[in-house]
Amino acid sequence: MNYTYQEVKQFVEEEDVKFIRLAFCDVFGKPKNVSIMPTELDRAFREGIAIDAWAVAGFGGFTRSDLFLHPDPETLAILPWRPEHGRVVRMYCDITWPDGKPFVCDSRSFLRKAVEEAAIKGYTFRFGTEQEFYLFRGDLEGEDTRIPYDNAGYMDVGPEDRGENIRREICITLEQMGIRPERSHHEEGPGQNEIGFRYGEALKAADDAMTFRSVVSAIASRNGVQADFTPKPIKDRPGNGMHINFSVVSGPSEIRLDPVVAGILANIKDMTLFLNPVPDSYERLGALKAPGYITWARENRSALIRIPAAFGKYERGELRSPDTMANPYLAFGLMIYAALHGLENGLVPPKMTEINLYKAGAEDLEGLKRLPLSLEDAAARAQTSDFIRKHLPEEILKAYLDKAVYTK
């Protein structure tokens, strides 16, 4: 909505706002927040709000835990599911050390830096996500039962699709928060749903992806069900993906996607740890519509990157390997750096793969490169990657490597 500092102050006064949530995420993309009262708003914008981040995953522990949150006024949004009287609003924050220097493990700042570097080179990247999630029934205490909310299938309708009213409520709530969902439908798995967004510039798109997860969880809980974003909630059923649509412009002109695709394919193994960050991620990849091979094609949904049927400004690429446990700030930032690698070096993508890779025989698959087969493989690849060490702060890499060892 692009509010200014003064407009935020005016909004808070006129709209009976009583709580202001300063939102951020840990290094793995889990949402966090601190609530302040309106009387603290001036200080928040002027100096930042101090937090003790010792227990925030990936933020460094006890030795240097004092950090400051600086709200971004452009991200102001009402939380529509909270009371109308004594309203609650939210702003995303950038994080700094006490001396004002950017905090090295702030993934939002990482994406901002990638966007700025791309802009210096004349490129603007746009992203949109299609995020999948399961709905499970809750018990009398509201706890997840692991029983799917329905047994509907792909794009089924009610009454088989019991989630349509929940998706409707989610989409309306997103619109009230300034986010534009494009489509929603029941997915293939029992109780599985998908909602896709209209594309936007990188930082807003990542903020929107984070907001989406919070909205889905809140609306689901209000309806007595539990939302699950994990990559493989039910064995032998489709996993939850976060398909990332991407395009790039230079000035007013669209850029051909070939070098962008080539750059992403060239670096995808190195990035996989951050796109698929938990052990269950690798139970999803390579089966039931989730890609396993490093390929690209037009319209072919078994390819890692597909170019959907679209025209003009709607033409885009779709990266299909990331799952919904990925931190969107890191995912988008790394994709920007990989795309720049392709653009600056004039990379050419390999020949398109037009076969159905899920049904292909060994002869058809011979010579195709695979994505990492496990979290350990992905971590080993990232650890030795010149691309990752060039662009990603060492502290973030270490946090992911340490988690990979811990969850082994």
Protein backbone atom coordinates (compact mmCIF):
# COMPACT_ATOMS: atom_id res chain seq x y z
CA MET A 1 0.00 0.00 0.00
CA ASN A 2 3.11 2.19 0.09
CA TYR A 3 2.45 4.18 3.25
CA THR A 4 4.91 6.80 4.46
CA TYR A 5 5.96 7.23 8.08
CA GLN A 6 3.54 10.15 8.56
CA GLU A 7 0.70 8.23 6.91
CA VAL A 8 1.29 5.30 9.24
CA LYS A 9 1.02 7.60 12.26
CA GLN A 10 -2.18 9.13 10.90
CA PHE A 11 -3.64 5.70 10.11
CA VAL A 12 -2.92 4.43 13.62
CA GLU A 13 -4.63 7.46 15.17
CA GLU A 14 -7.70 7.46 12.90
CA GLU A 15 -8.36 3.70 12.73
CA ASP A 16 -8.33 2.91 16.47
CA VAL A 17 -5.14 0.86 16.25
CA LYS A 18 -4.02 -0.40 19.66
CA PHE A 19 -1.33 -2.95 18.77
CA ILE A 20 1.41 -2.76 16.16
CA ARG A 21 3.14 -6.01 15.29
CA LEU A 22 6.74 -5.61 14.16
CA ALA A 23 7.24 -8.69 11.99
CA PHE A 24 10.37 -10.48 10.86
CA CYS A 25 11.46 -14.09 10.40
CA ASP A 26 14.26 -16.28 11.64
CA VAL A 27 16.97 -17.40 9.25
CA PHE A 28 14.85 -20.40 8.19
CA GLY A 29 11.78 -18.30 7.35
CA LYS A 30 9.67 -18.95 10.45
CA PRO A 31 7.53 -15.84 11.20
CA LYS A 32 8.28 -13.88 14.37
CA ASN A 33 6.94 -10.64 15.79
CA VAL A 34 7.02 -8.21 18.69
CA SER A 35 3.95 -6.11 19.50
CA ILE A 36 4.25 -2.46 20.54
CA MET A 37 1.69 0.12 21.57
CA PRO A 38 1.04 3.24 19.46
CA THR A 39 2.97 5.35 21.99
CA GLU A 40 6.15 3.54 20.88
CA LEU A 41 5.67 4.19 17.18
CA ASP A 42 7.83 7.32 16.99
CA ARG A 43 10.69 5.53 18.69
CA ALA A 44 10.30 2.55 16.38
CA PHE A 45 10.76 4.72 13.31
CA ARG A 46 13.40 6.97 14.83
CA GLU A 47 15.66 4.48 16.63
CA GLY A 48 14.22 1.01 16.16
CA ILE A 49 12.83 -1.34 18.81
CA ALA A 50 15.37 -3.42 20.71
CA ILE A 51 14.89 -7.17 20.95
CA ASP A 52 16.82 -9.93 22.66
CA ALA A 53 17.22 -12.45 19.86
CA TRP A 54 19.23 -15.13 21.65
CA ALA A 55 16.55 -17.80 21.09
CA VAL A 56 15.73 -16.90 17.46
CA ALA A 57 16.96 -19.71 15.19
CA GLY A 58 20.09 -18.78 13.29
CA PHE A 59 20.55 -15.41 14.98
CA GLY A 60 23.69 -16.27 16.88
CA GLY A 61 22.88 -17.27 20.46
CA PHE A 62 23.93 -15.61 23.70
CA THR A 63 27.07 -13.67 22.85
CA ARG A 64 25.60 -10.92 20.62
CA SER A 65 21.84 -11.10 20.92
CA ASP A 66 20.82 -7.42 21.12
CA LEU A 67 19.25 -6.37 17.82
CA PHE A 68 16.95 -3.58 16.62
CA LEU A 69 13.80 -3.83 14.49
CA HIS A 70 13.15 -1.00 12.03
CA PRO A 71 9.61 -1.09 10.58
CA ASP A 72 9.11 -0.58 6.85
CA PRO A 73 6.11 1.79 6.56
CA GLU A 74 5.32 0.54 3.06
CA THR A 75 4.32 -2.83 4.52
CA LEU A 76 1.59 -1.58 6.85
CA ALA A 77 -1.45 -3.86 6.83
CA ILE A 78 -4.44 -4.45 9.10
CA LEU A 79 -4.83 -7.99 10.41
CA PRO A 80 -8.51 -8.45 9.43
CA TRP A 81 -9.05 -11.49 11.67
CA ARG A 82 -8.29 -9.43 14.77
CA PRO A 83 -11.00 -7.27 16.50
CA GLU A 84 -12.26 -4.14 14.68
CA HIS A 85 -12.12 -2.16 17.91
CA GLY A 86 -8.61 -1.88 19.20
CA ARG A 87 -7.27 -2.93 15.82
CA VAL A 88 -4.01 -4.76 15.17
CA VAL A 89 -1.69 -3.84 12.30
CA ARG A 90 1.54 -5.34 11.07
CA MET A 91 4.71 -3.99 9.47
CA TYR A 92 7.70 -5.97 8.28
CA CYS A 93 11.05 -4.89 9.66
CA ASP A 94 14.68 -4.68 8.72
CA ILE A 95 17.08 -5.78 11.45
CA THR A 96 20.28 -4.04 12.53
CA TRP A 97 23.02 -4.32 15.12
CA PRO A 98 22.93 -1.67 17.88
CA ASP A 99 25.40 0.45 15.86
CA GLY A 100 22.93 0.60 12.94
CA LYS A 101 24.75 -1.79 10.63
CA PRO A 102 22.53 -4.35 8.88
CA PHE A 103 22.28 -7.63 10.76
CA VAL A 104 24.07 -10.24 8.68
CA CYS A 105 21.44 -12.97 9.24
CA ASP A 106 18.47 -10.80 8.28
CA SER A 107 17.23 -12.60 5.17
CA ARG A 108 15.01 -9.67 4.18
CA SER A 109 18.10 -7.46 4.01
CA PHE A 110 19.80 -10.17 1.94
CA LEU A 111 17.01 -9.99 -0.63
CA ARG A 112 17.03 -6.19 -0.57
CA LYS A 113 20.77 -6.23 -1.36
CA ALA A 114 20.22 -8.63 -4.28
CA VAL A 115 17.46 -6.38 -5.65
CA GLU A 116 19.71 -3.32 -5.38
CA GLU A 117 22.62 -5.04 -7.11
CA ALA A 118 20.33 -6.15 -9.93
CA ALA A 119 18.97 -2.60 -10.27
CA ILE A 120 22.49 -1.18 -10.62
CA LYS A 121 22.95 -3.57 -13.55
CA GLY A 122 19.65 -2.46 -15.06
CA TYR A 123 17.40 -5.39 -14.13
CA THR A 124 14.16 -5.63 -12.18
CA PHE A 125 12.98 -9.06 -11.11
CA ARG A 126 9.39 -10.05 -10.44
CA PHE A 127 8.16 -13.08 -8.58
CA GLY A 128 4.91 -14.79 -7.75
CA THR A 129 4.33 -17.93 -5.72
CA GLU A 130 1.90 -20.81 -5.87
CA GLN A 131 1.86 -22.32 -2.40
CA GLU A 132 0.29 -25.64 -1.46
CA PHE A 133 -0.93 -26.71 1.96
CA TYR A 134 -2.96 -29.46 3.57
CA LEU A 135 -5.93 -28.95 5.86
CA PHE A 136 -6.35 -31.48 8.68
CA ARG A 137 -9.26 -31.82 11.06
CA GLY A 138 -8.79 -30.63 14.62
CA ASP A 139 -9.84 -32.46 17.77
CA LEU A 140 -11.90 -31.00 20.62
CA GLU A 141 -8.84 -29.12 21.86
CA GLY A 142 -8.04 -27.83 18.39
CA GLU A 143 -5.01 -30.08 17.95
CA ASP A 144 -4.09 -31.56 14.56
CA THR A 145 -5.47 -35.09 14.08
CA ARG A 146 -3.64 -35.91 10.81
CA ILE A 147 -7.09 -36.69 9.37
CA PRO A 148 -7.52 -34.83 6.04
CA TYR A 149 -10.32 -32.28 6.02
CA ASP A 150 -11.79 -33.91 2.89
CA ASN A 151 -11.08 -36.59 0.32
CA ALA A 152 -11.49 -34.44 -2.78
CA GLY A 153 -9.08 -34.52 -5.72
CA TYR A 154 -7.56 -32.10 -8.20
CA MET A 155 -9.83 -29.09 -8.89
CA ASP A 156 -12.88 -30.92 -7.49
CA VAL A 157 -15.84 -28.86 -6.31
CA GLY A 158 -18.15 -28.98 -3.31
CA PRO A 159 -19.50 -30.83 -1.51
CA GLU A 160 -16.46 -33.12 -2.04
CA ASP A 161 -14.19 -30.08 -1.72
CA ARG A 162 -14.85 -28.95 1.85
CA GLY A 163 -12.04 -26.40 1.74
CA GLU A 164 -13.61 -24.01 -0.77
CA ASN A 165 -15.12 -21.72 1.87
CA ILE A 166 -11.85 -21.61 3.78
CA ARG A 167 -9.95 -20.73 0.59
CA ARG A 168 -12.54 -18.05 -0.14
CA GLU A 169 -12.04 -16.54 3.32
CA ILE A 170 -8.26 -16.68 2.87
CA CYS A 171 -8.43 -14.89 -0.49
CA ILE A 172 -10.75 -12.16 0.82
CA THR A 173 -8.47 -11.63 3.81
CA LEU A 174 -5.43 -11.36 1.54
CA GLU A 175 -7.20 -8.76 -0.60
CA GLN A 176 -8.00 -6.73 2.51
CA MET A 177 -4.27 -6.74 3.26
CA GLY A 178 -3.31 -5.48 -0.21
CA ILE A 179 -2.29 -8.87 -1.64
CA ARG A 180 -3.74 -10.06 -4.95
CA PRO A 181 -4.46 -13.79 -5.16
CA GLU A 182 -4.96 -14.92 -8.77
CA ARG A 183 -6.42 -18.40 -8.40
CA SER A 184 -7.27 -21.03 -5.81
CA HIS A 185 -8.37 -24.64 -6.05
CA HIS A 186 -8.29 -28.04 -4.43
CA GLU A 187 -5.06 -29.90 -5.13
CA GLU A 188 -4.50 -33.58 -5.80
CA GLY A 189 -3.99 -34.78 -2.24
CA PRO A 190 -6.86 -35.30 0.26
CA GLY A 191 -7.34 -32.01 2.08
CA GLN A 192 -4.67 -30.35 -0.10
CA ASN A 193 -5.16 -26.83 -1.45
CA GLU A 194 -3.30 -24.31 -3.58
CA ILE A 195 -3.49 -20.52 -3.86
CA GLY A 196 -1.41 -18.55 -6.36
CA PHE A 197 -0.52 -14.85 -6.32
CA ARG A 198 -0.16 -12.19 -8.96
CA TYR A 199 3.49 -11.39 -9.55
CA GLY A 200 5.18 -8.42 -7.90
CA GLU A 201 8.62 -6.96 -7.37
CA ALA A 202 10.88 -9.18 -5.34
CA LEU A 203 10.71 -7.70 -1.84
CA LYS A 204 6.92 -7.29 -1.83
CA ALA A 205 6.48 -10.75 -3.31
CA ALA A 206 8.54 -12.27 -0.50
CA ASP A 207 6.65 -10.27 2.14
CA ASP A 208 3.40 -11.49 0.58
CA ALA A 209 4.57 -15.11 0.65
CA MET A 210 5.32 -14.76 4.38
CA THR A 211 1.96 -13.08 5.02
CA PHE A 212 0.17 -15.85 3.13
CA ARG A 213 1.39 -18.53 5.53
CA SER A 214 0.26 -16.52 8.54
CA VAL A 215 -3.15 -15.82 7.01
CA VAL A 216 -3.73 -19.46 6.05
CA SER A 217 -2.84 -20.66 9.55
CA ALA A 218 -5.04 -18.03 11.22
CA ILE A 219 -8.09 -18.62 9.01
CA ALA A 220 -7.76 -22.40 9.21
CA SER A 221 -7.57 -22.29 13.00
CA ARG A 222 -10.61 -20.03 13.14
CA ASN A 223 -12.51 -22.69 11.18
CA GLY A 224 -11.46 -25.47 13.54
CA VAL A 225 -8.90 -27.07 11.20
CA GLN A 226 -5.10 -27.08 11.03
CA ALA A 227 -2.99 -25.94 8.06
CA ASP A 228 0.15 -27.93 7.26
CA PHE A 229 2.86 -26.53 4.99
CA THR A 230 5.44 -29.29 5.47
CA PRO A 231 6.81 -30.86 2.27
CA LYS A 232 5.37 -34.36 2.80
CA PRO A 233 2.52 -34.40 5.34
CA ILE A 234 1.15 -37.76 4.11
CA LYS A 235 3.36 -40.57 2.87
CA ASP A 236 2.59 -41.70 -0.71
CA ARG A 237 0.53 -38.58 -1.36
CA PRO A 238 1.61 -35.40 -3.19
CA GLY A 239 3.84 -33.08 -1.22
CA ASN A 240 3.48 -29.34 -0.69
CA GLY A 241 5.41 -27.23 -3.17
CA MET A 242 6.06 -23.52 -3.46
CA HIS A 243 6.29 -23.01 -7.21
CA ILE A 244 8.09 -19.74 -7.90
CA ASN A 245 7.14 -17.81 -11.04
CA PHE A 246 9.78 -15.36 -12.23
CA SER A 247 10.42 -12.78 -14.94
CA VAL A 248 12.86 -9.93 -15.46
CA VAL A 249 12.70 -6.56 -17.19
CA SER A 250 15.37 -4.09 -18.25
CA GLY A 251 13.85 -0.63 -18.32
CA PRO A 252 10.51 -1.00 -20.11
CA SER A 253 11.53 -4.17 -21.96
CA GLU A 254 10.97 -7.79 -21.06
CA ILE A 255 14.14 -9.90 -21.08
CA ARG A 256 14.27 -13.24 -22.85
CA LEU A 257 14.14 -15.98 -20.28
CA ASP A 258 16.77 -18.26 -21.88
CA PRO A 259 19.85 -16.82 -20.08
CA VAL A 260 17.88 -16.50 -16.83
CA VAL A 261 16.82 -20.13 -17.03
CA ALA A 262 20.40 -21.13 -17.88
CA GLY A 263 21.76 -19.28 -14.84
CA ILE A 264 19.27 -20.91 -12.48
CA LEU A 265 19.88 -24.39 -13.91
CA ALA A 266 23.65 -23.90 -13.63
CA ASN A 267 23.40 -23.09 -9.91
CA ILE A 268 20.34 -25.05 -8.81
CA LYS A 269 22.26 -27.84 -7.06
CA ASP A 270 24.13 -25.26 -5.00
CA MET A 271 20.86 -23.53 -4.04
CA THR A 272 18.83 -26.64 -3.21
CA LEU A 273 19.66 -26.63 0.52
CA PHE A 274 17.85 -23.28 0.80
CA LEU A 275 14.92 -24.19 -1.48
CA ASN A 276 14.37 -27.58 0.18
CA PRO A 277 15.68 -27.19 3.74
CA VAL A 278 14.30 -30.18 5.69
CA PRO A 279 14.68 -33.97 5.39
CA ASP A 280 11.09 -34.42 4.20
CA SER A 281 11.84 -32.11 1.27
CA TYR A 282 13.68 -34.99 -0.39
CA GLU A 283 10.79 -37.40 0.03
CA ARG A 284 8.80 -34.99 -2.11
CA LEU A 285 11.35 -34.37 -4.90
CA GLY A 286 11.25 -36.74 -7.86
CA ALA A 287 7.75 -38.09 -7.31
CA LEU A 288 4.09 -37.13 -7.71
CA LYS A 289 4.59 -33.92 -9.75
CA ALA A 290 7.73 -32.75 -7.91
CA PRO A 291 10.81 -32.54 -10.18
CA GLY A 292 13.90 -34.64 -9.64
CA TYR A 293 15.98 -33.83 -12.72
CA ILE A 294 17.63 -30.58 -13.80
CA THR A 295 15.62 -29.88 -16.95
CA TRP A 296 13.45 -27.24 -18.55
CA ALA A 297 10.65 -27.20 -21.10
CA ARG A 298 7.60 -25.35 -22.28
CA GLU A 299 4.43 -26.40 -20.43
CA ASN A 300 5.93 -29.77 -19.34
CA ARG A 301 5.02 -30.09 -15.65
CA SER A 302 7.60 -32.81 -15.03
CA ALA A 303 10.46 -30.38 -15.78
CA LEU A 304 12.32 -28.47 -13.07
CA ILE A 305 11.66 -25.18 -14.86
CA ARG A 306 8.71 -24.88 -17.18
CA ILE A 307 7.59 -21.95 -19.31
CA PRO A 308 3.78 -21.86 -18.92
CA ALA A 309 1.55 -20.98 -21.84
CA ALA A 310 1.23 -17.19 -21.63
CA PHE A 311 1.75 -14.16 -23.81
CA GLY A 312 3.45 -10.77 -23.66
CA LYS A 313 3.95 -9.37 -20.18
CA TYR A 314 2.47 -12.54 -18.65
CA GLU A 315 5.24 -14.79 -19.99
CA ARG A 316 7.28 -16.19 -17.14
CA GLY A 317 9.32 -19.10 -15.93
CA GLU A 318 8.21 -21.41 -13.15
CA LEU A 319 10.71 -23.08 -10.81
CA ARG A 320 8.95 -26.15 -9.43
CA SER A 321 11.41 -27.64 -6.93
CA PRO A 322 11.08 -25.29 -3.90
CA ASP A 323 8.78 -26.33 -1.10
CA THR A 324 6.83 -24.37 1.46
CA MET A 325 9.49 -24.68 4.17
CA ALA A 326 11.84 -22.46 2.13
CA ASN A 327 12.56 -18.92 3.31
CA PRO A 328 11.23 -16.82 0.38
CA TYR A 329 13.71 -14.00 1.01
CA LEU A 330 16.64 -16.36 0.56
CA ALA A 331 14.99 -18.23 -2.32
CA PHE A 332 14.28 -15.08 -4.33
CA GLY A 333 17.67 -13.54 -3.55
CA LEU A 334 19.59 -16.62 -4.68
CA MET A 335 17.45 -16.88 -7.82
CA ILE A 336 18.31 -13.26 -8.65
CA TYR A 337 22.03 -13.91 -8.28
CA ALA A 338 21.78 -17.10 -10.37
CA ALA A 339 19.82 -15.26 -13.07
CA LEU A 340 22.40 -12.44 -13.13
CA HIS A 341 25.09 -15.09 -13.59
CA GLY A 342 23.24 -16.31 -16.67
CA LEU A 343 22.55 -12.82 -18.04
CA GLU A 344 26.07 -11.46 -17.54
CA ASN A 345 27.81 -14.49 -18.98
CA GLY A 346 25.43 -15.07 -21.88
CA LEU A 347 24.65 -18.61 -20.74
CA VAL A 348 22.57 -20.80 -23.00
CA PRO A 349 20.25 -23.40 -21.44
CA PRO A 350 20.46 -27.05 -22.46
CA LYS A 351 18.04 -28.58 -24.91
CA MET A 352 14.47 -28.68 -23.66
CA THR A 353 13.21 -31.97 -22.23
CA GLU A 354 9.76 -32.70 -23.61
CA ILE A 355 9.17 -36.21 -22.22
CA ASN A 356 7.18 -37.09 -19.09
CA LEU A 357 10.06 -37.60 -16.67
CA TYR A 358 7.87 -39.41 -14.13
CA LYS A 359 7.16 -42.22 -16.60
CA ALA A 360 10.43 -42.18 -18.57
CA GLY A 361 12.61 -45.26 -18.81
CA ALA A 362 16.28 -45.52 -17.91
CA GLU A 363 17.34 -44.89 -21.51
CA ASP A 364 15.44 -41.58 -21.65
CA LEU A 365 16.87 -40.45 -18.31
CA GLU A 366 20.46 -41.33 -19.15
CA GLY A 367 22.68 -38.26 -19.07
CA LEU A 368 20.23 -36.04 -17.17
CA LYS A 369 21.60 -34.40 -14.03
CA ARG A 370 19.67 -34.92 -10.79
CA LEU A 371 18.86 -32.64 -7.93
CA PRO A 372 20.46 -33.63 -4.60
CA LEU A 373 18.87 -36.81 -3.28
CA SER A 374 18.97 -35.92 0.42
CA LEU A 375 19.42 -33.04 2.82
CA GLU A 376 22.96 -34.25 3.47
CA ASP A 377 23.76 -34.18 -0.27
CA ALA A 378 22.33 -30.68 -0.59
CA ALA A 379 24.30 -29.46 2.42
CA ALA A 380 27.55 -30.93 1.07
CA ARG A 381 26.96 -29.21 -2.27
CA ALA A 382 26.25 -25.82 -0.65
CA GLN A 383 29.27 -26.10 1.64
CA THR A 384 31.68 -26.37 -1.30
CA SER A 385 29.87 -23.96 -3.62
CA ASP A 386 31.75 -20.88 -4.83
CA PHE A 387 28.40 -19.42 -5.91
CA ILE A 388 26.89 -19.71 -2.42
CA ARG A 389 29.99 -18.42 -0.64
CA LYS A 390 30.19 -15.46 -3.02
CA HIS A 391 26.64 -14.28 -2.41
CA LEU A 392 25.33 -15.66 0.88
CA PRO A 393 26.68 -14.47 4.23
CA GLU A 394 28.83 -17.10 5.89
CA GLU A 395 26.68 -16.94 9.04
CA ILE A 396 23.52 -17.91 7.13
CA LEU A 397 25.31 -20.75 5.38
CA LYS A 398 26.62 -22.02 8.72
CA ALA A 399 23.13 -21.94 10.25
CA TYR A 400 21.78 -24.13 7.45
CA LEU A 401 24.73 -26.51 7.55
CA ASP A 402 24.43 -26.86 11.33
CA LYS A 403 20.69 -27.57 11.06
CA ALA A 404 21.31 -30.17 8.34
CA VAL A 405 23.70 -32.00 10.69
CA TYR A 406 21.35 -31.69 13.65
CA THR A 407 18.36 -33.11 11.73
CA LYS A 408 20.40 -35.89 10.12
